[in-house]
Amino acid sequence: MEISMKKYSFPLIFLLSFFLITGCADNPRSTAQKFSENLAEGKITEAKKFATEPTGKMLDFAASLGTLPVNQNYKFIFIRENVQDNSAQVVYKESPDGQEQTIDMVKIDGKWKVNMQTRK
């Protein structure tokens, strides 16, 4: 019994493409994770790619003061996300028994960005 590669090549290519596209999707969860992981590693320039312009300026300011700690053991544990129109909140933990933290997001030109706001 011979297996025809032609018979299985299209479904295989389709599945690989599907997983590649969904794995690289621009969504609040993946953007928040990329932002926070880069920030934890001290990669400010990379983190800013996933942030709004004002957030990027806040990061630059904090980095200039030396107030951004590096955490090579950082872990992003996704809890939930709440999306409403062009804004979202991503809730995560840094450890299983850690405190829940929230990242505010906005959608700008079809891309999700971290939107850190100063507390007044």
Protein backbone atom coordinates (compact mmCIF):
# COMPACT_ATOMS: atom_id res chain seq x y z
CA MET A 1 0.00 0.00 0.00
CA GLU A 2 1.69 3.18 -1.21
CA ILE A 3 0.91 6.54 0.39
CA SER A 4 0.60 9.36 -2.07
CA MET A 5 2.38 12.56 -0.97
CA LYS A 6 0.19 14.61 -3.29
CA LYS A 7 -2.86 13.48 -1.37
CA TYR A 8 -1.46 14.75 1.94
CA SER A 9 0.63 17.72 0.83
CA PHE A 10 -2.19 20.30 0.62
CA PRO A 11 -3.70 19.52 4.06
CA LEU A 12 -0.21 19.48 5.57
CA ILE A 13 0.71 22.84 4.03
CA PHE A 14 -2.64 24.27 5.14
CA LEU A 15 -2.14 23.13 8.74
CA LEU A 16 1.42 24.43 8.90
CA SER A 17 0.31 27.78 7.49
CA PHE A 18 -2.57 27.98 9.96
CA PHE A 19 -0.31 27.35 12.96
CA LEU A 20 2.30 29.77 11.68
CA ILE A 21 -0.26 32.54 11.17
CA THR A 22 -2.09 32.03 14.46
CA GLY A 23 1.18 31.72 16.36
CA CYS A 24 2.28 35.13 15.06
CA ALA A 25 -1.07 36.81 15.50
CA ASP A 26 -1.21 40.37 16.73
CA ASN A 27 -3.46 40.11 19.76
CA PRO A 28 -3.43 41.70 23.21
CA ARG A 29 -2.04 38.60 24.91
CA SER A 30 0.95 38.09 22.60
CA THR A 31 1.75 41.82 22.49
CA ALA A 32 1.63 42.12 26.30
CA GLN A 33 3.83 39.05 26.66
CA LYS A 34 6.43 40.28 24.15
CA PHE A 35 6.46 43.72 25.76
CA SER A 36 6.84 42.47 29.32
CA GLU A 37 9.44 39.81 28.48
CA ASN A 38 11.62 42.31 26.61
CA LEU A 39 11.21 44.84 29.42
CA ALA A 40 12.19 42.24 32.04
CA GLU A 41 15.33 41.41 30.05
CA GLY A 42 16.28 45.08 29.85
CA LYS A 43 15.63 45.27 26.11
CA ILE A 44 14.00 48.70 26.15
CA THR A 45 14.27 49.29 22.39
CA GLU A 46 12.53 45.95 21.70
CA ALA A 47 9.86 46.57 24.35
CA LYS A 48 9.07 49.97 22.82
CA LYS A 49 8.08 48.24 19.55
CA PHE A 50 5.04 46.89 21.43
CA ALA A 51 4.15 50.16 23.17
CA THR A 52 2.43 53.44 22.40
CA GLU A 53 4.68 56.44 21.82
CA PRO A 54 3.95 57.98 25.27
CA THR A 55 4.71 54.62 26.90
CA GLY A 56 8.00 54.46 25.00
CA LYS A 57 8.92 57.91 26.30
CA MET A 58 8.14 56.82 29.87
CA LEU A 59 10.41 53.79 29.39
CA ASP A 60 13.22 55.98 28.07
CA PHE A 61 12.86 58.29 31.07
CA ALA A 62 12.83 55.41 33.57
CA ALA A 63 15.85 53.84 31.86
CA SER A 64 17.74 57.13 32.04
CA LEU A 65 17.16 57.16 35.81
CA GLY A 66 18.25 53.55 36.11
CA THR A 67 14.94 52.49 37.64
CA LEU A 68 14.16 49.58 35.31
CA PRO A 69 15.36 46.36 36.96
CA VAL A 70 16.45 43.38 34.85
CA ASN A 71 14.89 40.02 35.71
CA GLN A 72 16.39 37.16 33.69
CA ASN A 73 14.06 34.69 35.48
CA TYR A 74 10.90 36.55 34.46
CA LYS A 75 7.94 34.40 33.45
CA PHE A 76 4.69 35.61 31.85
CA ILE A 77 1.73 33.54 33.06
CA PHE A 78 -1.42 34.54 31.19
CA ILE A 79 -4.60 34.71 33.28
CA ARG A 80 -7.21 36.43 31.10
CA GLU A 81 -7.88 39.28 28.72
CA ASN A 82 -10.80 41.64 28.32
CA VAL A 83 -11.19 43.23 24.88
CA GLN A 84 -13.67 46.03 24.18
CA ASP A 85 -13.46 47.64 20.76
CA ASN A 86 -9.98 49.21 20.49
CA SER A 87 -8.93 48.74 24.10
CA ALA A 88 -8.04 45.71 26.16
CA GLN A 89 -6.66 44.63 29.49
CA VAL A 90 -4.37 41.64 29.87
CA VAL A 91 -4.11 40.09 33.32
CA TYR A 92 -1.03 38.00 34.11
CA LYS A 93 1.25 36.79 36.89
CA GLU A 94 5.02 36.50 37.09
CA SER A 95 4.81 33.29 39.14
CA PRO A 96 2.04 30.78 39.94
CA ASP A 97 1.63 32.17 43.46
CA GLY A 98 2.34 35.78 42.46
CA GLN A 99 -0.01 38.73 42.47
CA GLU A 100 -2.15 39.39 39.39
CA GLN A 101 -1.02 42.38 37.34
CA THR A 102 -2.83 44.20 34.54
CA ILE A 103 -1.47 45.66 31.32
CA ASP A 104 -3.64 48.22 29.51
CA MET A 105 -3.67 47.95 25.72
CA VAL A 106 -4.97 50.05 22.82
CA LYS A 107 -5.33 49.17 19.16
CA ILE A 108 -3.60 51.68 16.89
CA ASP A 109 -3.64 51.23 13.11
CA GLY A 110 -4.68 47.60 13.53
CA LYS A 111 -1.90 46.72 15.99
CA TRP A 112 -2.18 46.20 19.73
CA LYS A 113 0.12 48.39 21.84
CA VAL A 114 0.83 48.57 25.57
CA ASN A 115 -0.53 51.84 26.93
CA MET A 116 0.98 52.66 30.33
CA GLN A 117 -0.58 55.72 31.89
CA THR A 118 0.74 57.83 34.73
CA ARG A 119 -1.42 57.68 37.85
CA LYS A 120 -2.65 61.07 39.03
